[in-house]
Amino acid sequence: MERLTQLLYGAEEAGGFEVEERGGALHLTFEESPGAFVISPNSAARQLWISALSTSFKLDWSEAAADFVLASSGEALIPLMGRLLSEQTGNTVTLE
């Protein structure tokens, strides 16, 4: 979660969104395209929940990948966030 937070802060200006930390969750608001993303850790379940694009995504911790992974697509957290941000903004957003 800490790595994701730093990557999002680094991309927010060029990506056209704003990152805010509130109550252990990350809230992203967008300048041009209306909407918001919320990224919340669920430590007890070893999951990360993302509310984005009118959908909820629940990523489970994968020991094999050493990352949070979306079971339905096999996407790891950082590539998934890049894809979701790109879909929301209409621009390619790369998190590096």
PDB file of N, CA and C in Angstrom:
ATOM      1  N   MET A   1       0.823  -1.192   0.000  1.00  0.00           N
ATOM      2  CA  MET A   1       0.000   0.000   0.000  1.00  0.00           C
ATOM      3  C   MET A   1       0.870   1.260   0.000  1.00  0.00           C
ATOM      4  N   GLU A   2       1.982   1.197   0.740  1.00  0.00           N
ATOM      5  CA  GLU A   2       2.874   2.364   0.801  1.00  0.00           C
ATOM      6  C   GLU A   2       3.484   2.664  -0.567  1.00  0.00           C
ATOM      7  N   ARG A   3       3.901   1.608  -1.269  1.00  0.00           N
ATOM      8  CA  ARG A   3       4.472   1.793  -2.606  1.00  0.00           C
ATOM      9  C   ARG A   3       3.423   2.395  -3.549  1.00  0.00           C
ATOM     10  N   LEU A   4       2.202   1.872  -3.507  1.00  0.00           N
ATOM     11  CA  LEU A   4       1.131   2.405  -4.348  1.00  0.00           C
ATOM     12  C   LEU A   4       0.891   3.874  -4.033  1.00  0.00           C
ATOM     13  N   THR A   5       0.860   4.224  -2.763  1.00  0.00           N
ATOM     14  CA  THR A   5       0.638   5.613  -2.360  1.00  0.00           C
ATOM     15  C   THR A   5       1.691   6.533  -2.969  1.00  0.00           C
ATOM     16  N   GLN A   6       2.952   6.152  -2.877  1.00  0.00           N
ATOM     17  CA  GLN A   6       4.028   6.980  -3.427  1.00  0.00           C
ATOM     18  C   GLN A   6       3.921   7.091  -4.951  1.00  0.00           C
ATOM     19  N   LEU A   7       3.596   5.988  -5.619  1.00  0.00           N
ATOM     20  CA  LEU A   7       3.437   6.021  -7.077  1.00  0.00           C
ATOM     21  C   LEU A   7       2.277   6.923  -7.490  1.00  0.00           C
ATOM     22  N   LEU A   8       1.193   6.876  -6.747  1.00  0.00           N
ATOM     23  CA  LEU A   8       0.033   7.722  -7.071  1.00  0.00           C
ATOM     24  C   LEU A   8       0.356   9.191  -6.857  1.00  0.00           C
ATOM     25  N   TYR A   9       1.039   9.515  -5.764  1.00  0.00           N
ATOM     26  CA  TYR A   9       1.443  10.912  -5.540  1.00  0.00           C
ATOM     27  C   TYR A   9       2.349  11.395  -6.672  1.00  0.00           C
ATOM     28  N   GLY A  10       3.225  10.516  -7.142  1.00  0.00           N
ATOM     29  CA  GLY A  10       4.130  10.887  -8.224  1.00  0.00           C
ATOM     30  C   GLY A  10       3.426  11.100  -9.559  1.00  0.00           C
ATOM     31  N   ALA A  11       2.288  10.449  -9.748  1.00  0.00           N
ATOM     32  CA  ALA A  11       1.581  10.520 -11.032  1.00  0.00           C
ATOM     33  C   ALA A  11       0.388  11.467 -11.020  1.00  0.00           C
ATOM     34  N   GLU A  12       0.032  12.012  -9.856  1.00  0.00           N
ATOM     35  CA  GLU A  12      -1.238  12.736  -9.771  1.00  0.00           C
ATOM     36  C   GLU A  12      -1.312  13.977 -10.650  1.00  0.00           C
ATOM     37  N   GLU A  13      -0.276  14.767 -10.722  1.00  0.00           N
ATOM     38  CA  GLU A  13      -0.349  15.994 -11.517  1.00  0.00           C
ATOM     39  C   GLU A  13      -0.487  15.683 -13.008  1.00  0.00           C
ATOM     40  N   ALA A  14       0.393  14.821 -13.516  1.00  0.00           N
ATOM     41  CA  ALA A  14       0.347  14.465 -14.940  1.00  0.00           C
ATOM     42  C   ALA A  14      -0.904  13.651 -15.266  1.00  0.00           C
ATOM     43  N   GLY A  15      -1.403  12.884 -14.292  1.00  0.00           N
ATOM     44  CA  GLY A  15      -2.566  12.029 -14.528  1.00  0.00           C
ATOM     45  C   GLY A  15      -3.900  12.735 -14.415  1.00  0.00           C
ATOM     46  N   GLY A  16      -3.907  13.952 -13.886  1.00  0.00           N
ATOM     47  CA  GLY A  16      -5.151  14.705 -13.767  1.00  0.00           C
ATOM     48  C   GLY A  16      -6.036  14.257 -12.621  1.00  0.00           C
ATOM     49  N   PHE A  17      -5.427  13.801 -11.538  1.00  0.00           N
ATOM     50  CA  PHE A  17      -6.191  13.409 -10.358  1.00  0.00           C
ATOM     51  C   PHE A  17      -5.471  13.881  -9.105  1.00  0.00           C
ATOM     52  N   GLU A  18      -6.190  13.857  -7.993  1.00  0.00           N
ATOM     53  CA  GLU A  18      -5.634  14.263  -6.702  1.00  0.00           C
ATOM     54  C   GLU A  18      -5.759  13.105  -5.732  1.00  0.00           C
ATOM     55  N   VAL A  19      -4.712  12.866  -4.960  1.00  0.00           N
ATOM     56  CA  VAL A  19      -4.668  11.782  -3.978  1.00  0.00           C
ATOM     57  C   VAL A  19      -4.791  12.381  -2.586  1.00  0.00           C
ATOM     58  N   GLU A  20      -5.633  11.774  -1.776  1.00  0.00           N
ATOM     59  CA  GLU A  20      -5.780  12.202  -0.378  1.00  0.00           C
ATOM     60  C   GLU A  20      -5.865  10.954   0.492  1.00  0.00           C
ATOM     61  N   GLU A  21      -5.118  10.971   1.583  1.00  0.00           N
ATOM     62  CA  GLU A  21      -5.173   9.874   2.545  1.00  0.00           C
ATOM     63  C   GLU A  21      -6.153  10.245   3.653  1.00  0.00           C
ATOM     64  N   ARG A  22      -7.151   9.365   3.865  1.00  0.00           N
ATOM     65  CA  ARG A  22      -8.147   9.591   4.918  1.00  0.00           C
ATOM     66  C   ARG A  22      -8.503   8.277   5.583  1.00  0.00           C
ATOM     67  N   GLY A  23      -8.316   8.224   6.887  1.00  0.00           N
ATOM     68  CA  GLY A  23      -8.734   7.053   7.652  1.00  0.00           C
ATOM     69  C   GLY A  23      -8.128   5.746   7.189  1.00  0.00           C
ATOM     70  N   GLY A  24      -6.881   5.764   6.728  1.00  0.00           N
ATOM     71  CA  GLY A  24      -6.221   4.550   6.278  1.00  0.00           C
ATOM     72  C   GLY A  24      -6.521   4.175   4.836  1.00  0.00           C
ATOM     73  N   ALA A  25      -7.380   4.945   4.179  1.00  0.00           N
ATOM     74  CA  ALA A  25      -7.727   4.679   2.777  1.00  0.00           C
ATOM     75  C   ALA A  25      -7.198   5.803   1.893  1.00  0.00           C
ATOM     76  N   LEU A  26      -7.018   5.492   0.628  1.00  0.00           N
ATOM     77  CA  LEU A  26      -6.637   6.504  -0.354  1.00  0.00           C
ATOM     78  C   LEU A  26      -7.876   6.906  -1.141  1.00  0.00           C
ATOM     79  N   HIS A  27      -8.062   8.202  -1.296  1.00  0.00           N
ATOM     80  CA  HIS A  27      -9.179   8.740  -2.072  1.00  0.00           C
ATOM     81  C   HIS A  27      -8.598   9.504  -3.251  1.00  0.00           C
ATOM     82  N   LEU A  28      -9.032   9.150  -4.449  1.00  0.00           N
ATOM     83  CA  LEU A  28      -8.575   9.819  -5.666  1.00  0.00           C
ATOM     84  C   LEU A  28      -9.758  10.549  -6.282  1.00  0.00           C
ATOM     85  N   THR A  29      -9.572  11.823  -6.565  1.00  0.00           N
ATOM     86  CA  THR A  29     -10.592  12.601  -7.266  1.00  0.00           C
ATOM     87  C   THR A  29      -9.986  13.089  -8.573  1.00  0.00           C
ATOM     88  N   PHE A  30     -10.833  13.230  -9.565  1.00  0.00           N
ATOM     89  CA  PHE A  30     -10.365  13.533 -10.910  1.00  0.00           C
ATOM     90  C   PHE A  30     -10.775  14.925 -11.333  1.00  0.00           C
ATOM     91  N   GLU A  31      -9.864  15.622 -12.012  1.00  0.00           N
ATOM     92  CA  GLU A  31     -10.085  17.001 -12.436  1.00  0.00           C
ATOM     93  C   GLU A  31     -11.035  17.086 -13.619  1.00  0.00           C
ATOM     94  N   GLU A  32     -10.789  16.334 -14.660  1.00  0.00           N
ATOM     95  CA  GLU A  32     -11.547  16.446 -15.904  1.00  0.00           C
ATOM     96  C   GLU A  32     -12.749  15.515 -15.952  1.00  0.00           C
ATOM     97  N   SER A  33     -12.544  14.267 -15.617  1.00  0.00           N
ATOM     98  CA  SER A  33     -13.625  13.291 -15.697  1.00  0.00           C
ATOM     99  C   SER A  33     -14.200  13.068 -14.301  1.00  0.00           C
ATOM    100  N   PRO A  34     -15.500  13.316 -14.141  1.00  0.00           N
ATOM    101  CA  PRO A  34     -16.080  13.193 -12.803  1.00  0.00           C
ATOM    102  C   PRO A  34     -15.968  11.762 -12.275  1.00  0.00           C
ATOM    103  N   GLY A  35     -15.729  11.659 -11.002  1.00  0.00           N
ATOM    104  CA  GLY A  35     -15.636  10.353 -10.377  1.00  0.00           C
ATOM    105  C   GLY A  35     -14.602  10.356  -9.278  1.00  0.00           C
ATOM    106  N   ALA A  36     -14.580   9.259  -8.558  1.00  0.00           N
ATOM    107  CA  ALA A  36     -13.625   9.104  -7.470  1.00  0.00           C
ATOM    108  C   ALA A  36     -13.296   7.632  -7.320  1.00  0.00           C
ATOM    109  N   PHE A  37     -12.087   7.353  -6.877  1.00  0.00           N
ATOM    110  CA  PHE A  37     -11.655   6.000  -6.541  1.00  0.00           C
ATOM    111  C   PHE A  37     -11.371   5.988  -5.043  1.00  0.00           C
ATOM    112  N   VAL A  38     -11.650   4.862  -4.402  1.00  0.00           N
ATOM    113  CA  VAL A  38     -11.278   4.663  -3.006  1.00  0.00           C
ATOM    114  C   VAL A  38     -10.535   3.335  -2.917  1.00  0.00           C
ATOM    115  N   ILE A  39      -9.381   3.362  -2.295  1.00  0.00           N
ATOM    116  CA  ILE A  39      -8.556   2.168  -2.127  1.00  0.00           C
ATOM    117  C   ILE A  39      -8.407   1.933  -0.628  1.00  0.00           C
ATOM    118  N   SER A  40      -8.945   0.803  -0.165  1.00  0.00           N
ATOM    119  CA  SER A  40      -8.977   0.521   1.273  1.00  0.00           C
ATOM    120  C   SER A  40      -8.328  -0.820   1.579  1.00  0.00           C
ATOM    121  N   PRO A  41      -7.421  -0.840   2.537  1.00  0.00           N
ATOM    122  CA  PRO A  41      -6.870  -2.126   2.965  1.00  0.00           C
ATOM    123  C   PRO A  41      -7.831  -2.832   3.912  1.00  0.00           C
ATOM    124  N   ASN A  42      -7.895  -4.151   3.806  1.00  0.00           N
ATOM    125  CA  ASN A  42      -8.631  -4.974   4.756  1.00  0.00           C
ATOM    126  C   ASN A  42      -7.615  -5.963   5.304  1.00  0.00           C
ATOM    127  N   SER A  43      -6.912  -5.534   6.335  1.00  0.00           N
ATOM    128  CA  SER A  43      -5.796  -6.313   6.876  1.00  0.00           C
ATOM    129  C   SER A  43      -6.229  -7.677   7.381  1.00  0.00           C
ATOM    130  N   ALA A  44      -7.383  -7.737   8.021  1.00  0.00           N
ATOM    131  CA  ALA A  44      -7.841  -9.002   8.596  1.00  0.00           C
ATOM    132  C   ALA A  44      -8.022 -10.076   7.529  1.00  0.00           C
ATOM    133  N   ALA A  45      -8.505  -9.683   6.363  1.00  0.00           N
ATOM    134  CA  ALA A  45      -8.742 -10.634   5.275  1.00  0.00           C
ATOM    135  C   ALA A  45      -7.562 -10.718   4.308  1.00  0.00           C
ATOM    136  N   ARG A  46      -6.515  -9.922   4.556  1.00  0.00           N
ATOM    137  CA  ARG A  46      -5.358  -9.825   3.649  1.00  0.00           C
ATOM    138  C   ARG A  46      -5.814  -9.489   2.238  1.00  0.00           C
ATOM    139  N   GLN A  47      -6.681  -8.468   2.178  1.00  0.00           N
ATOM    140  CA  GLN A  47      -7.209  -8.006   0.903  1.00  0.00           C
ATOM    141  C   GLN A  47      -7.026  -6.508   0.771  1.00  0.00           C
ATOM    142  N   LEU A  48      -7.127  -6.047  -0.455  1.00  0.00           N
ATOM    143  CA  LEU A  48      -7.143  -4.632  -0.764  1.00  0.00           C
ATOM    144  C   LEU A  48      -8.395  -4.420  -1.606  1.00  0.00           C
ATOM    145  N   TRP A  49      -9.215  -3.475  -1.184  1.00  0.00           N
ATOM    146  CA  TRP A  49     -10.464  -3.219  -1.887  1.00  0.00           C
ATOM    147  C   TRP A  49     -10.348  -1.915  -2.650  1.00  0.00           C
ATOM    148  N   ILE A  50     -10.774  -1.936  -3.899  1.00  0.00           N
ATOM    149  CA  ILE A  50     -10.745  -0.748  -4.741  1.00  0.00           C
ATOM    150  C   ILE A  50     -12.148  -0.503  -5.269  1.00  0.00           C
ATOM    151  N   SER A  51     -12.641   0.690  -5.048  1.00  0.00           N
ATOM    152  CA  SER A  51     -13.904   1.122  -5.621  1.00  0.00           C
ATOM    153  C   SER A  51     -13.550   2.090  -6.743  1.00  0.00           C
ATOM    154  N   ALA A  52     -13.855   1.690  -7.987  1.00  0.00           N
ATOM    155  CA  ALA A  52     -13.471   2.500  -9.146  1.00  0.00           C
ATOM    156  C   ALA A  52     -14.365   2.144 -10.326  1.00  0.00           C
ATOM    157  N   LEU A  53     -14.664   3.141 -11.146  1.00  0.00           N
ATOM    158  CA  LEU A  53     -15.435   2.915 -12.361  1.00  0.00           C
ATOM    159  C   LEU A  53     -16.753   2.198 -12.066  1.00  0.00           C
ATOM    160  N   SER A  54     -17.420   2.590 -10.997  1.00  0.00           N
ATOM    161  CA  SER A  54     -18.709   2.012 -10.582  1.00  0.00           C
ATOM    162  C   SER A  54     -18.620   0.515 -10.292  1.00  0.00           C
ATOM    163  N   THR A  55     -17.447   0.039  -9.931  1.00  0.00           N
ATOM    164  CA  THR A  55     -17.227  -1.380  -9.659  1.00  0.00           C
ATOM    165  C   THR A  55     -16.365  -1.523  -8.421  1.00  0.00           C
ATOM    166  N   SER A  56     -16.540  -2.642  -7.733  1.00  0.00           N
ATOM    167  CA  SER A  56     -15.675  -2.967  -6.598  1.00  0.00           C
ATOM    168  C   SER A  56     -14.719  -4.073  -7.012  1.00  0.00           C
ATOM    169  N   PHE A  57     -13.462  -3.890  -6.692  1.00  0.00           N
ATOM    170  CA  PHE A  57     -12.429  -4.871  -6.990  1.00  0.00           C
ATOM    171  C   PHE A  57     -11.837  -5.323  -5.666  1.00  0.00           C
ATOM    172  N   LYS A  58     -11.788  -6.627  -5.426  1.00  0.00           N
ATOM    173  CA  LYS A  58     -11.176  -7.155  -4.213  1.00  0.00           C
ATOM    174  C   LYS A  58      -9.945  -7.944  -4.610  1.00  0.00           C
ATOM    175  N   LEU A  59      -8.802  -7.445  -4.195  1.00  0.00           N
ATOM    176  CA  LEU A  59      -7.527  -8.086  -4.505  1.00  0.00           C
ATOM    177  C   LEU A  59      -7.069  -8.873  -3.280  1.00  0.00           C
ATOM    178  N   ASP A  60      -6.669 -10.101  -3.506  1.00  0.00           N
ATOM    179  CA  ASP A  60      -6.161 -10.960  -2.437  1.00  0.00           C
ATOM    180  C   ASP A  60      -4.641 -10.965  -2.453  1.00  0.00           C
ATOM    181  N   TRP A  61      -4.049 -11.124  -1.265  1.00  0.00           N
ATOM    182  CA  TRP A  61      -2.602 -11.230  -1.185  1.00  0.00           C
ATOM    183  C   TRP A  61      -2.184 -12.575  -1.755  1.00  0.00           C
ATOM    184  N   SER A  62      -1.208 -12.553  -2.643  1.00  0.00           N
ATOM    185  CA  SER A  62      -0.662 -13.764  -3.238  1.00  0.00           C
ATOM    186  C   SER A  62       0.770 -13.938  -2.749  1.00  0.00           C
ATOM    187  N   GLU A  63       1.007 -15.020  -2.033  1.00  0.00           N
ATOM    188  CA  GLU A  63       2.372 -15.317  -1.582  1.00  0.00           C
ATOM    189  C   GLU A  63       3.276 -15.557  -2.782  1.00  0.00           C
ATOM    190  N   ALA A  64       2.762 -16.251  -3.792  1.00  0.00           N
ATOM    191  CA  ALA A  64       3.561 -16.578  -4.977  1.00  0.00           C
ATOM    192  C   ALA A  64       4.008 -15.320  -5.718  1.00  0.00           C
ATOM    193  N   ALA A  65       3.107 -14.348  -5.829  1.00  0.00           N
ATOM    194  CA  ALA A  65       3.427 -13.107  -6.550  1.00  0.00           C
ATOM    195  C   ALA A  65       4.030 -12.054  -5.632  1.00  0.00           C
ATOM    196  N   ALA A  66       3.917 -12.255  -4.327  1.00  0.00           N
ATOM    197  CA  ALA A  66       4.342 -11.261  -3.329  1.00  0.00           C
ATOM    198  C   ALA A  66       3.697  -9.910  -3.627  1.00  0.00           C
ATOM    199  N   ASP A  67       2.387  -9.971  -3.919  1.00  0.00           N
ATOM    200  CA  ASP A  67       1.644  -8.766  -4.296  1.00  0.00           C
ATOM    201  C   ASP A  67       0.155  -9.039  -4.121  1.00  0.00           C
ATOM    202  N   PHE A  68      -0.625  -7.972  -4.156  1.00  0.00           N
ATOM    203  CA  PHE A  68      -2.079  -8.122  -4.195  1.00  0.00           C
ATOM    204  C   PHE A  68      -2.474  -8.382  -5.645  1.00  0.00           C
ATOM    205  N   VAL A  69      -3.367  -9.359  -5.849  1.00  0.00           N
ATOM    206  CA  VAL A  69      -3.739  -9.792  -7.193  1.00  0.00           C
ATOM    207  C   VAL A  69      -5.259  -9.889  -7.307  1.00  0.00           C
ATOM    208  N   LEU A  70      -5.792  -9.428  -8.436  1.00  0.00           N
ATOM    209  CA  LEU A  70      -7.207  -9.555  -8.741  1.00  0.00           C
ATOM    210  C   LEU A  70      -7.425 -10.939  -9.345  1.00  0.00           C
ATOM    211  N   ALA A  71      -8.153 -11.792  -8.639  1.00  0.00           N
ATOM    212  CA  ALA A  71      -8.299 -13.195  -9.043  1.00  0.00           C
ATOM    213  C   ALA A  71      -8.919 -13.345 -10.435  1.00  0.00           C
ATOM    214  N   SER A  72      -9.892 -12.520 -10.767  1.00  0.00           N
ATOM    215  CA  SER A  72     -10.605 -12.689 -12.039  1.00  0.00           C
ATOM    216  C   SER A  72      -9.739 -12.440 -13.271  1.00  0.00           C
ATOM    217  N   SER A  73      -8.724 -11.577 -13.143  1.00  0.00           N
ATOM    218  CA  SER A  73      -7.887 -11.260 -14.298  1.00  0.00           C
ATOM    219  C   SER A  73      -6.421 -11.643 -14.113  1.00  0.00           C
ATOM    220  N   GLY A  74      -6.024 -11.904 -12.860  1.00  0.00           N
ATOM    221  CA  GLY A  74      -4.626 -12.200 -12.570  1.00  0.00           C
ATOM    222  C   GLY A  74      -3.748 -10.967 -12.514  1.00  0.00           C
ATOM    223  N   GLU A  75      -4.369  -9.764 -12.611  1.00  0.00           N
ATOM    224  CA  GLU A  75      -3.592  -8.521 -12.594  1.00  0.00           C
ATOM    225  C   GLU A  75      -3.091  -8.217 -11.185  1.00  0.00           C
ATOM    226  N   ALA A  76      -1.850  -7.782 -11.110  1.00  0.00           N
ATOM    227  CA  ALA A  76      -1.280  -7.324  -9.850  1.00  0.00           C
ATOM    228  C   ALA A  76      -1.731  -5.875  -9.612  1.00  0.00           C
ATOM    229  N   LEU A  77      -1.570  -5.418  -8.393  1.00  0.00           N
ATOM    230  CA  LEU A  77      -2.073  -4.119  -7.962  1.00  0.00           C
ATOM    231  C   LEU A  77      -1.636  -2.950  -8.849  1.00  0.00           C
ATOM    232  N   ILE A  78      -0.357  -2.770  -9.072  1.00  0.00           N
ATOM    233  CA  ILE A  78       0.133  -1.589  -9.797  1.00  0.00           C
ATOM    234  C   ILE A  78      -0.348  -1.569 -11.254  1.00  0.00           C
ATOM    235  N   PRO A  79      -0.215  -2.671 -12.007  1.00  0.00           N
ATOM    236  CA  PRO A  79      -0.755  -2.650 -13.374  1.00  0.00           C
ATOM    237  C   PRO A  79      -2.270  -2.438 -13.412  1.00  0.00           C
ATOM    238  N   LEU A  80      -2.987  -3.024 -12.464  1.00  0.00           N
ATOM    239  CA  LEU A  80      -4.432  -2.827 -12.405  1.00  0.00           C
ATOM    240  C   LEU A  80      -4.771  -1.365 -12.185  1.00  0.00           C
ATOM    241  N   MET A  81      -4.093  -0.719 -11.247  1.00  0.00           N
ATOM    242  CA  MET A  81      -4.362   0.701 -10.989  1.00  0.00           C
ATOM    243  C   MET A  81      -4.040   1.550 -12.212  1.00  0.00           C
ATOM    244  N   GLY A  82      -2.967   1.247 -12.910  1.00  0.00           N
ATOM    245  CA  GLY A  82      -2.632   1.971 -14.133  1.00  0.00           C
ATOM    246  C   GLY A  82      -3.744   1.839 -15.164  1.00  0.00           C
ATOM    247  N   ARG A  83      -4.268   0.629 -15.312  1.00  0.00           N
ATOM    248  CA  ARG A  83      -5.356   0.398 -16.268  1.00  0.00           C
ATOM    249  C   ARG A  83      -6.619   1.157 -15.867  1.00  0.00           C
ATOM    250  N   LEU A  84      -6.990   1.077 -14.593  1.00  0.00           N
ATOM    251  CA  LEU A  84      -8.201   1.760 -14.123  1.00  0.00           C
ATOM    252  C   LEU A  84      -8.083   3.277 -14.270  1.00  0.00           C
ATOM    253  N   LEU A  85      -6.922   3.817 -13.927  1.00  0.00           N
ATOM    254  CA  LEU A  85      -6.701   5.260 -14.068  1.00  0.00           C
ATOM    255  C   LEU A  85      -6.755   5.677 -15.532  1.00  0.00           C
ATOM    256  N   SER A  86      -6.187   4.870 -16.405  1.00  0.00           N
ATOM    257  CA  SER A  86      -6.216   5.169 -17.842  1.00  0.00           C
ATOM    258  C   SER A  86      -7.641   5.153 -18.370  1.00  0.00           C
ATOM    259  N   GLU A  87      -8.434   4.177 -17.935  1.00  0.00           N
ATOM    260  CA  GLU A  87      -9.839   4.107 -18.358  1.00  0.00           C
ATOM    261  C   GLU A  87     -10.617   5.316 -17.856  1.00  0.00           C
ATOM    262  N   GLN A  88     -10.370   5.729 -16.628  1.00  0.00           N
ATOM    263  CA  GLN A  88     -11.093   6.863 -16.039  1.00  0.00           C
ATOM    264  C   GLN A  88     -10.750   8.170 -16.742  1.00  0.00           C
ATOM    265  N   THR A  89      -9.469   8.384 -17.009  1.00  0.00           N
ATOM    266  CA  THR A  89      -9.035   9.673 -17.541  1.00  0.00           C
ATOM    267  C   THR A  89      -9.032   9.731 -19.070  1.00  0.00           C
ATOM    268  N   GLY A  90      -9.019   8.574 -19.725  1.00  0.00           N
ATOM    269  CA  GLY A  90      -8.931   8.573 -21.176  1.00  0.00           C
ATOM    270  C   GLY A  90      -7.517   8.771 -21.680  1.00  0.00           C
ATOM    271  N   ASN A  91      -6.562   8.836 -20.773  1.00  0.00           N
ATOM    272  CA  ASN A  91      -5.142   9.000 -21.106  1.00  0.00           C
ATOM    273  C   ASN A  91      -4.367   7.826 -20.509  1.00  0.00           C
ATOM    274  N   THR A  92      -3.248   7.504 -21.097  1.00  0.00           N
ATOM    275  CA  THR A  92      -2.422   6.434 -20.549  1.00  0.00           C
ATOM    276  C   THR A  92      -1.756   6.929 -19.269  1.00  0.00           C
ATOM    277  N   VAL A  93      -2.014   6.242 -18.175  1.00  0.00           N
ATOM    278  CA  VAL A  93      -1.394   6.570 -16.892  1.00  0.00           C
ATOM    279  C   VAL A  93      -0.483   5.408 -16.525  1.00  0.00           C
ATOM    280  N   THR A  94       0.797   5.698 -16.407  1.00  0.00           N
ATOM    281  CA  THR A  94       1.780   4.683 -16.045  1.00  0.00           C
ATOM    282  C   THR A  94       2.270   4.969 -14.639  1.00  0.00           C
ATOM    283  N   LEU A  95       2.206   3.970 -13.799  1.00  0.00           N
ATOM    284  CA  LEU A  95       2.699   4.121 -12.427  1.00  0.00           C
ATOM    285  C   LEU A  95       4.075   3.484 -12.355  1.00  0.00           C
ATOM    286  N   GLU A  96       5.092   4.318 -12.194  1.00  0.00           N
ATOM    287  CA  GLU A  96       6.477   3.816 -12.118  1.00  0.00           C
ATOM    288  C   GLU A  96       7.153   4.378 -10.904  1.00  0.00           C
TER     289      GLU A  96
END
